[in-house]
Amino acid sequence: MPVTGQSSPCLWTPIPQSGRSPCDRYKHACCSYDGHVYVLGGRENSCVKDLWRYSVVCNEWTELSCDGEAAPEELEEHSMVAYEGFLYVFGGMLDSAYTKYKCALWVFDIGKQKWTPCQGKTSSPQRQMATNRKGHSAVVLGSAMLVYGGLVDMKGSSQDFWSLDFDTMTWSLLSTLQQNSLGPGPRHSHSAMVYQDCMYLFGGLKGLREQRDFWKWNSSNQIWTSLRTKSGPTRLMGHSAVAYKDSMLLFGGGLSQSSPKNSLWRYSFGTQTWSQVATLPGSSAPDKIHHCCAGLGPSYMLDTSSPSSSSGCQAKQLRPFKNKCFPASLTYLGSEGGIELETFSMEKCYSSKTLQAASKLDREVLMGSDEQRITYCLTFENKAFSKQWSCTEEDLLNQEDSDIVQHLPDMLLVLGGRPCTSHGPISMWQMTLTDS
């Protein structure tokens, strides 16, 4: 097996925002849950205090409440994860005289759409809770949130590794079981993601120096393992990583805020090798650093030791299907397993008959009649069950959220990041892999 190679190419598509939407930003936090993407805080010219929900089907943003004593203040380089109907926000401030006694954990009830007071507690009276920090990572593994590293007040980079049990809301400081076992050490502005029962961490800043090391933490034996590879991404900070099928996708970042990159890398857990993902001709990825990524669709669903996942679905409940997502017109996806793609209009939804008539990969852009011009949407046709979702409000009210989530096509959304557009809507890009 070669050490490196080329993965199947991908397609990048910008998603213009015409309606009311959050301003462009960086050092924000995002996560997906039940077919929606949530974005909180970050920086524009200064820190912003807002919470937004993005409907993937409708391409519409809704601003949610960020007021009240239980709501967070202006945050940057914080984290946000979703678990069983709640958003858990951690960090984003450095301790000061003003924030010294303020809890660094905030919880948002998605169903009630309000912030819930939650201080958390320690596993014993002698132990402390995780303190405010920036640039850390947070992932969901089983029924816990794992938090690694970050900048802690004036101490610089931290190597603290914390676990928050969602069932008891108890903080615990994790440590290796073997004295000689190493770990990533002090780290911030790195990436972390979960695959099966392990957490994987890449790069980031160790003090002032960028890193390209790759680590695995096994939740079974609580031991860190260094994954040494001769190839792969260069030194990076401010990048993002997500789980995709049996691999990890790593995008963007750079050596500094002024040098963002647009490289997309894929690490195969089966072969333990890196490959750089090429873009299809005419497709260009954005240069981004301190952005956020959200994976949607069955291939991006977490496979952890817990039946619950951060996308709010259970993988074992998924039914096989073949979907259609239409972001651009392509003539060179000849493989049978490739995604069928077609240019969409910002003001069109297509009927099932129209879609069936356009079954060939090499076809012209659908123009449609005035009757078909309802509103912008991504149209998903489920061949196995003959269902179609459009983004009219009436249609959405008649569909169960779980049905929509289960039949979303696989897509990776890149939201915000530097460089930013001054006072413009948030930058959004969609990435689709041709081997989906």
Protein backbone atom coordinates (compact mmCIF):
# COMPACT_ATOMS: atom_id res chain seq x y z
CA MET A 1 0.00 0.00 0.00
CA PRO A 2 1.54 3.36 -0.98
CA VAL A 3 2.21 5.85 1.76
CA THR A 4 0.39 8.62 -0.02
CA GLY A 5 -1.82 8.99 -3.05
CA GLN A 6 -4.76 10.80 -4.53
CA SER A 7 -8.21 10.29 -3.09
CA SER A 8 -11.33 10.55 -5.22
CA PRO A 9 -11.80 14.19 -6.29
CA CYS A 10 -14.30 16.54 -4.72
CA LEU A 11 -16.54 19.38 -5.85
CA TRP A 12 -16.58 22.76 -4.11
CA THR A 13 -19.65 24.97 -4.46
CA PRO A 14 -20.26 28.40 -2.88
CA ILE A 15 -23.66 28.85 -1.23
CA PRO A 16 -24.71 32.50 -1.62
CA GLN A 17 -26.84 33.98 1.15
CA SER A 18 -29.65 36.27 -0.01
CA GLY A 19 -31.84 36.42 3.09
CA ARG A 20 -31.11 37.53 6.61
CA SER A 21 -28.02 35.71 7.82
CA PRO A 22 -25.17 36.05 10.33
CA CYS A 23 -22.25 38.29 9.46
CA ASP A 24 -19.02 36.75 8.28
CA ARG A 25 -16.74 35.77 11.13
CA TYR A 26 -13.88 33.62 12.36
CA LYS A 27 -12.94 31.88 15.62
CA HIS A 28 -16.61 30.96 16.04
CA ALA A 29 -18.14 27.58 16.92
CA CYS A 30 -20.63 25.41 15.06
CA CYS A 31 -22.22 21.97 15.22
CA SER A 32 -25.02 20.08 13.47
CA TYR A 33 -28.15 18.52 14.95
CA ASP A 34 -31.33 17.15 13.31
CA GLY A 35 -30.62 18.62 9.88
CA HIS A 36 -29.69 22.06 11.20
CA VAL A 37 -26.34 23.75 11.72
CA TYR A 38 -25.87 26.04 14.73
CA VAL A 39 -23.33 28.89 14.77
CA LEU A 40 -22.37 30.85 17.88
CA GLY A 41 -20.18 33.91 18.46
CA GLY A 42 -16.73 34.51 17.02
CA ARG A 43 -15.05 37.65 15.73
CA GLU A 44 -15.86 40.10 12.98
CA ASN A 45 -14.17 43.42 13.75
CA SER A 46 -14.77 42.58 17.41
CA CYS A 47 -16.39 39.72 19.31
CA VAL A 48 -20.02 39.09 18.42
CA LYS A 49 -22.74 37.69 20.66
CA ASP A 50 -25.33 35.81 18.60
CA LEU A 51 -26.68 32.33 18.00
CA TRP A 52 -28.00 31.26 14.58
CA ARG A 53 -29.66 28.12 13.22
CA TYR A 54 -29.21 27.19 9.56
CA SER A 55 -31.72 24.98 7.75
CA VAL A 56 -29.81 22.91 5.22
CA VAL A 57 -32.93 22.03 3.23
CA CYS A 58 -34.17 25.61 2.94
CA ASN A 59 -30.87 27.49 2.92
CA GLU A 60 -32.40 29.79 5.54
CA TRP A 61 -31.00 31.27 8.73
CA THR A 62 -32.95 31.91 11.94
CA GLU A 63 -31.50 33.97 14.80
CA LEU A 64 -32.11 32.37 18.19
CA SER A 65 -32.11 33.99 21.61
CA CYS A 66 -28.76 34.77 23.17
CA ASP A 67 -30.10 36.86 26.04
CA GLY A 68 -30.69 36.19 29.72
CA GLU A 69 -28.53 35.37 32.71
CA ALA A 70 -27.97 31.80 31.51
CA ALA A 71 -26.75 32.88 28.03
CA PRO A 72 -23.04 33.27 27.24
CA GLU A 73 -21.32 36.58 26.65
CA GLU A 74 -19.20 37.41 23.63
CA LEU A 75 -17.07 34.36 22.92
CA GLU A 76 -14.23 33.48 20.56
CA GLU A 77 -12.23 30.28 20.07
CA HIS A 78 -14.84 28.44 22.12
CA SER A 79 -16.37 25.03 21.43
CA MET A 80 -19.92 23.79 20.89
CA VAL A 81 -21.19 20.21 20.67
CA ALA A 82 -24.69 18.73 20.45
CA TYR A 83 -26.00 15.83 22.49
CA GLU A 84 -29.58 14.55 22.87
CA GLY A 85 -31.39 17.84 22.26
CA PHE A 86 -28.92 20.20 23.92
CA LEU A 87 -26.02 22.37 22.77
CA TYR A 88 -23.04 22.45 25.14
CA VAL A 89 -20.84 25.54 24.82
CA PHE A 90 -17.52 25.70 26.63
CA GLY A 91 -14.78 28.31 27.01
CA GLY A 92 -14.18 31.30 24.77
CA MET A 93 -12.99 33.70 27.47
CA LEU A 94 -9.81 34.08 29.49
CA ASP A 95 -10.09 34.39 33.24
CA SER A 96 -9.95 37.92 34.56
CA ALA A 97 -11.31 39.89 37.47
CA TYR A 98 -14.59 40.01 35.57
CA THR A 99 -14.85 36.36 34.57
CA LYS A 100 -13.12 34.76 37.56
CA TYR A 101 -16.27 33.35 39.14
CA LYS A 102 -18.23 32.79 35.96
CA CYS A 103 -18.76 29.22 34.81
CA ALA A 104 -17.23 28.45 31.41
CA LEU A 105 -20.09 26.09 30.49
CA TRP A 106 -23.40 27.09 28.92
CA VAL A 107 -26.25 24.82 27.81
CA PHE A 108 -28.90 25.59 25.19
CA ASP A 109 -32.16 23.60 25.13
CA ILE A 110 -32.88 23.10 21.41
CA GLY A 111 -36.53 22.11 21.90
CA LYS A 112 -37.40 25.02 24.18
CA GLN A 113 -34.96 27.34 22.36
CA LYS A 114 -33.60 28.85 25.54
CA TRP A 115 -30.43 28.81 27.61
CA THR A 116 -30.49 26.66 30.72
CA PRO A 117 -28.44 27.40 33.86
CA CYS A 118 -25.84 24.67 34.32
CA GLN A 119 -22.77 24.98 36.48
CA GLY A 120 -21.52 21.41 36.35
CA LYS A 121 -19.83 19.75 39.33
CA THR A 122 -16.67 17.90 40.25
CA SER A 123 -16.20 14.19 40.82
CA SER A 124 -14.78 14.88 44.30
CA PRO A 125 -14.54 17.90 46.63
CA GLN A 126 -10.76 18.04 46.15
CA ARG A 127 -10.94 18.33 42.37
CA GLN A 128 -11.65 21.40 40.28
CA MET A 129 -13.73 21.94 37.19
CA ALA A 130 -12.35 22.86 33.79
CA THR A 131 -11.62 26.60 33.68
CA ASN A 132 -12.14 29.16 30.95
CA ARG A 133 -9.91 28.71 27.94
CA LYS A 134 -9.60 29.46 24.23
CA GLY A 135 -8.50 27.43 21.25
CA HIS A 136 -9.22 24.06 22.86
CA SER A 137 -10.99 21.13 21.20
CA ALA A 138 -14.23 19.45 22.30
CA VAL A 139 -15.76 16.23 20.96
CA VAL A 140 -18.56 13.87 21.98
CA LEU A 141 -17.51 10.32 22.79
CA GLY A 142 -20.22 8.08 24.19
CA SER A 143 -22.15 10.13 26.74
CA ALA A 144 -19.32 12.54 27.53
CA MET A 145 -17.67 15.67 26.14
CA LEU A 146 -13.89 15.46 25.94
CA VAL A 147 -12.00 18.77 26.12
CA TYR A 148 -8.31 18.99 25.33
CA GLY A 149 -5.79 21.80 25.76
CA GLY A 150 -6.44 25.45 25.01
CA LEU A 151 -5.03 28.75 26.21
CA VAL A 152 -5.69 29.20 29.94
CA ASP A 153 -5.36 32.80 31.24
CA MET A 154 -1.68 33.83 31.44
CA LYS A 155 -0.34 30.28 31.68
CA GLY A 156 -0.25 29.78 27.93
CA SER A 157 -1.05 26.46 26.25
CA SER A 158 -2.51 23.76 28.46
CA GLN A 159 -2.29 19.98 28.24
CA ASP A 160 -5.31 19.45 30.49
CA PHE A 161 -7.62 16.70 29.27
CA TRP A 162 -11.12 16.94 30.74
CA SER A 163 -14.27 14.85 30.49
CA LEU A 164 -17.79 16.13 31.16
CA ASP A 165 -20.31 13.36 31.80
CA PHE A 166 -23.62 14.48 30.24
CA ASP A 167 -25.69 12.21 32.50
CA THR A 168 -24.30 13.54 35.78
CA MET A 169 -22.80 16.85 34.54
CA THR A 170 -19.61 15.91 36.38
CA TRP A 171 -16.15 17.10 35.32
CA SER A 172 -13.23 14.65 35.55
CA LEU A 173 -9.57 15.22 34.73
CA LEU A 174 -8.32 12.41 32.51
CA SER A 175 -4.76 11.12 32.70
CA THR A 176 -2.78 8.30 31.12
CA LEU A 177 -2.62 5.03 32.99
CA GLN A 178 1.03 4.37 32.20
CA GLN A 179 3.72 6.65 33.59
CA ASN A 180 5.83 6.36 30.44
CA SER A 181 2.90 6.97 28.10
CA LEU A 182 3.23 10.24 26.22
CA GLY A 183 0.60 12.60 24.89
CA PRO A 184 0.27 15.65 22.66
CA GLY A 185 1.42 17.98 25.44
CA PRO A 186 0.43 21.67 25.68
CA ARG A 187 -1.71 22.52 22.66
CA HIS A 188 -4.20 25.04 21.25
CA SER A 189 -5.68 25.87 17.82
CA HIS A 190 -5.52 22.16 16.97
CA SER A 191 -8.23 19.84 15.62
CA ALA A 192 -9.88 16.82 17.20
CA MET A 193 -12.50 14.33 16.07
CA VAL A 194 -13.92 10.95 17.09
CA TYR A 195 -13.95 7.66 15.24
CA GLN A 196 -15.43 4.60 16.98
CA ASP A 197 -14.09 4.61 20.56
CA CYS A 198 -11.03 6.83 19.92
CA MET A 199 -10.31 10.54 19.70
CA TYR A 200 -7.82 11.78 17.11
CA LEU A 201 -5.88 15.04 17.47
CA PHE A 202 -3.80 16.79 14.80
CA GLY A 203 -1.42 19.73 14.76
CA GLY A 204 -2.08 23.08 16.38
CA LEU A 205 0.22 25.36 18.34
CA LYS A 206 2.61 24.11 20.99
CA GLY A 207 3.58 27.39 22.57
CA LEU A 208 4.33 29.55 19.53
CA ARG A 209 5.34 26.75 17.16
CA GLU A 210 3.00 25.03 14.73
CA GLN A 211 2.85 21.24 14.79
CA ARG A 212 1.99 18.41 12.39
CA ASP A 213 1.92 15.52 14.86
CA PHE A 214 -1.01 13.11 14.93
CA TRP A 215 -2.32 11.42 18.08
CA LYS A 216 -4.90 8.83 19.04
CA TRP A 217 -6.53 8.54 22.46
CA ASN A 218 -8.16 5.18 23.19
CA SER A 219 -11.11 5.51 25.57
CA SER A 220 -10.89 1.80 26.53
CA ASN A 221 -7.42 1.93 28.08
CA GLN A 222 -7.07 5.76 28.27
CA ILE A 223 -3.69 5.70 26.52
CA TRP A 224 -2.28 8.13 23.95
CA THR A 225 -0.57 6.75 20.84
CA SER A 226 1.50 8.77 18.38
CA LEU A 227 0.54 7.99 14.78
CA ARG A 228 3.75 8.57 12.86
CA THR A 229 3.36 9.05 9.11
CA LYS A 230 5.93 10.15 6.56
CA SER A 231 3.37 12.00 4.51
CA GLY A 232 0.27 14.04 5.21
CA PRO A 233 -0.56 17.66 5.99
CA THR A 234 2.14 20.18 6.83
CA ARG A 235 2.32 22.12 10.10
CA LEU A 236 -1.11 23.63 10.70
CA MET A 237 -3.13 25.68 13.14
CA GLY A 238 -6.71 26.93 12.86
CA HIS A 239 -7.78 23.94 10.71
CA SER A 240 -10.78 21.61 11.08
CA ALA A 241 -11.32 17.84 11.10
CA VAL A 242 -14.46 15.70 10.75
CA ALA A 243 -15.22 11.99 10.51
CA TYR A 244 -16.31 10.72 7.09
CA LYS A 245 -17.13 7.02 6.61
CA ASP A 246 -14.00 5.12 7.72
CA SER A 247 -11.71 8.13 7.41
CA MET A 248 -10.95 11.62 8.67
CA LEU A 249 -11.20 14.75 6.54
CA LEU A 250 -8.91 17.65 7.46
CA PHE A 251 -9.37 21.04 5.81
CA GLY A 252 -7.74 24.45 5.75
CA GLY A 253 -5.68 26.11 8.44
CA GLY A 254 -2.18 27.50 7.96
CA LEU A 255 1.02 28.59 9.64
CA SER A 256 -0.54 31.89 10.73
CA GLN A 257 -3.77 33.85 10.45
CA SER A 258 -2.35 35.68 7.44
CA SER A 259 -1.55 32.49 5.51
CA PRO A 260 -4.73 30.40 5.16
CA LYS A 261 -4.65 27.27 3.01
CA ASN A 262 -7.30 25.34 1.08
CA SER A 263 -5.83 21.84 1.21
CA LEU A 264 -8.20 18.94 1.88
CA TRP A 265 -6.62 15.79 3.29
CA ARG A 266 -8.11 12.38 3.97
CA TYR A 267 -6.75 9.91 6.48
CA SER A 268 -7.88 6.29 6.13
CA PHE A 269 -8.23 4.48 9.44
CA GLY A 270 -8.14 1.15 7.60
CA THR A 271 -4.84 1.66 5.77
CA GLN A 272 -3.45 4.28 8.19
CA THR A 273 -2.36 6.46 5.29
CA TRP A 274 -2.92 10.06 4.18
CA SER A 275 -4.06 11.14 0.71
CA GLN A 276 -4.63 14.64 -0.58
CA VAL A 277 -8.07 15.16 -2.10
CA ALA A 278 -8.00 16.83 -5.51
CA THR A 279 -10.74 19.17 -6.73
CA LEU A 280 -12.66 18.63 -9.94
CA PRO A 281 -11.80 20.87 -12.90
CA GLY A 282 -13.51 24.23 -12.57
CA SER A 283 -13.96 23.74 -8.83
CA SER A 284 -11.90 25.82 -6.41
CA ALA A 285 -11.73 25.43 -2.65
CA PRO A 286 -11.59 28.58 -0.48
CA ASP A 287 -8.53 29.52 1.55
CA LYS A 288 -9.72 29.38 5.17
CA ILE A 289 -8.34 29.50 8.68
CA HIS A 290 -10.22 29.60 12.01
CA HIS A 291 -13.34 28.45 10.16
CA CYS A 292 -15.88 25.79 11.14
CA CYS A 293 -16.89 22.60 9.35
CA ALA A 294 -20.13 20.64 9.70
CA GLY A 295 -20.70 17.29 8.04
CA LEU A 296 -24.24 16.25 7.17
CA GLY A 297 -25.67 13.06 5.74
CA PRO A 298 -25.23 9.37 6.68
CA SER A 299 -21.51 9.22 5.89
CA TYR A 300 -20.72 11.98 8.38
CA MET A 301 -22.64 10.47 11.27
CA LEU A 302 -20.50 9.58 14.25
CA ASP A 303 -19.92 5.92 15.01
CA THR A 304 -19.07 5.88 18.72
CA SER A 305 -19.59 3.40 21.49
CA SER A 306 -22.82 5.16 22.40
CA PRO A 307 -26.02 4.70 20.33
CA SER A 308 -26.44 8.47 20.28
CA SER A 309 -24.46 10.75 18.03
CA SER A 310 -23.95 14.49 17.74
CA SER A 311 -26.15 14.60 14.68
CA GLY A 312 -29.07 13.32 16.70
CA CYS A 313 -29.59 10.01 14.86
CA GLN A 314 -28.71 6.39 15.41
CA ALA A 315 -26.70 4.88 12.61
CA LYS A 316 -28.40 1.50 12.93
CA GLN A 317 -31.75 3.11 12.09
CA LEU A 318 -30.61 4.34 8.70
CA ARG A 319 -32.18 2.78 5.65
CA PRO A 320 -30.16 2.38 2.44
CA PHE A 321 -31.07 4.77 -0.31
CA LYS A 322 -29.62 6.66 -3.21
CA ASN A 323 -30.11 10.40 -3.06
CA LYS A 324 -29.58 13.23 -5.45
CA CYS A 325 -28.00 16.53 -4.60
CA PHE A 326 -27.79 19.13 -7.38
CA PRO A 327 -25.10 21.73 -6.78
CA ALA A 328 -23.40 21.88 -10.23
CA SER A 329 -23.39 20.50 -13.76
CA LEU A 330 -20.69 17.89 -14.43
CA THR A 331 -19.97 15.60 -17.36
CA TYR A 332 -17.10 13.56 -15.96
CA LEU A 333 -18.68 11.53 -13.16
CA GLY A 334 -18.97 8.32 -15.08
CA SER A 335 -18.65 5.84 -12.26
CA GLU A 336 -21.82 4.11 -11.17
CA GLY A 337 -21.24 5.03 -7.54
CA GLY A 338 -20.75 8.73 -8.23
CA ILE A 339 -23.10 11.44 -7.04
CA GLU A 340 -25.44 12.76 -9.70
CA LEU A 341 -24.97 16.51 -9.85
CA GLU A 342 -26.77 19.31 -11.57
CA THR A 343 -26.79 23.09 -11.44
CA PHE A 344 -29.47 24.48 -9.16
CA SER A 345 -31.16 27.82 -9.38
CA MET A 346 -31.44 30.01 -6.32
CA GLU A 347 -35.17 30.34 -6.95
CA LYS A 348 -36.20 26.86 -8.06
CA CYS A 349 -37.45 23.58 -6.75
CA TYR A 350 -37.83 20.74 -9.20
CA SER A 351 -40.64 18.24 -9.44
CA SER A 352 -40.09 14.47 -9.48
CA LYS A 353 -41.09 14.27 -13.14
CA THR A 354 -38.56 16.92 -14.04
CA LEU A 355 -35.84 15.08 -12.13
CA GLN A 356 -36.67 11.76 -13.80
CA ALA A 357 -36.47 13.40 -17.20
CA ALA A 358 -32.97 14.61 -16.36
CA SER A 359 -31.44 11.24 -15.54
CA LYS A 360 -28.29 11.60 -17.63
CA LEU A 361 -25.15 13.00 -16.08
CA ASP A 362 -24.34 15.09 -19.14
CA ARG A 363 -27.32 17.44 -19.40
CA GLU A 364 -28.15 21.08 -19.62
CA VAL A 365 -29.21 23.26 -16.73
CA LEU A 366 -32.90 22.89 -15.94
CA MET A 367 -34.78 26.10 -16.64
CA GLY A 368 -38.21 25.16 -15.28
CA SER A 369 -41.54 26.96 -15.53
CA ASP A 370 -42.85 29.75 -13.36
CA GLU A 371 -44.97 27.21 -11.49
CA GLN A 372 -41.82 25.37 -10.46
CA ARG A 373 -40.12 28.51 -9.18
CA ILE A 374 -41.17 28.22 -5.57
CA THR A 375 -38.12 29.20 -3.56
CA TYR A 376 -34.49 28.17 -3.21
CA CYS A 377 -33.90 24.65 -1.94
CA LEU A 378 -31.74 21.61 -2.18
CA THR A 379 -34.08 18.93 -3.53
CA PHE A 380 -33.55 15.39 -2.29
CA GLU A 381 -35.27 12.51 -4.08
CA ASN A 382 -35.30 9.18 -2.29
CA LYS A 383 -35.63 6.52 -4.95
CA ALA A 384 -36.24 3.71 -2.48
CA PHE A 385 -39.25 5.36 -0.87
CA SER A 386 -40.34 7.79 -3.60
CA LYS A 387 -40.17 10.75 -1.25
CA GLN A 388 -39.11 14.24 -2.14
CA TRP A 389 -38.37 17.15 0.16
CA SER A 390 -38.80 20.73 -0.92
CA CYS A 391 -38.25 23.70 1.31
CA THR A 392 -41.70 25.23 1.38
CA GLU A 393 -42.80 25.87 4.95
CA GLU A 394 -45.90 23.67 4.55
CA ASP A 395 -43.86 20.72 3.32
CA LEU A 396 -41.41 21.00 6.20
CA LEU A 397 -44.20 21.07 8.77
CA ASN A 398 -45.57 17.82 7.36
CA GLN A 399 -42.24 15.99 7.55
CA GLU A 400 -40.63 14.49 10.63
CA ASP A 401 -37.22 15.94 11.43
CA SER A 402 -35.77 12.44 11.67
CA ASP A 403 -36.97 11.62 8.15
CA ILE A 404 -35.29 14.70 6.71
CA VAL A 405 -32.05 14.01 8.56
CA GLN A 406 -31.91 10.38 7.44
CA HIS A 407 -32.23 11.33 3.80
CA LEU A 408 -29.92 14.31 3.57
CA PRO A 409 -27.19 13.82 0.97
CA ASP A 410 -23.61 13.69 2.18
CA MET A 411 -22.10 17.16 2.27
CA LEU A 412 -19.46 19.07 4.18
CA LEU A 413 -20.24 22.71 4.93
CA VAL A 414 -17.43 25.21 5.59
CA LEU A 415 -18.71 28.26 7.45
CA GLY A 416 -16.85 31.54 7.94
CA GLY A 417 -13.15 31.80 8.64
CA ARG A 418 -10.44 34.21 7.58
CA PRO A 419 -10.25 35.96 5.20
CA CYS A 420 -13.60 37.56 6.04
CA THR A 421 -15.85 39.79 3.97
CA SER A 422 -16.32 43.04 5.88
CA HIS A 423 -19.93 43.47 7.03
CA GLY A 424 -21.04 40.78 4.58
CA PRO A 425 -23.06 37.57 5.12
CA ILE A 426 -21.23 34.54 6.43
CA SER A 427 -19.08 32.74 3.88
CA MET A 428 -20.50 29.29 3.11
CA TRP A 429 -19.09 26.53 0.93
CA GLN A 430 -20.30 23.02 0.25
CA MET A 431 -17.90 20.17 -0.46
CA THR A 432 -19.09 16.93 -2.06
CA LEU A 433 -16.86 13.89 -2.51
CA THR A 434 -17.40 11.88 -5.66
CA ASP A 435 -17.08 8.56 -3.83
CA SER A 436 -20.15 9.23 -1.66
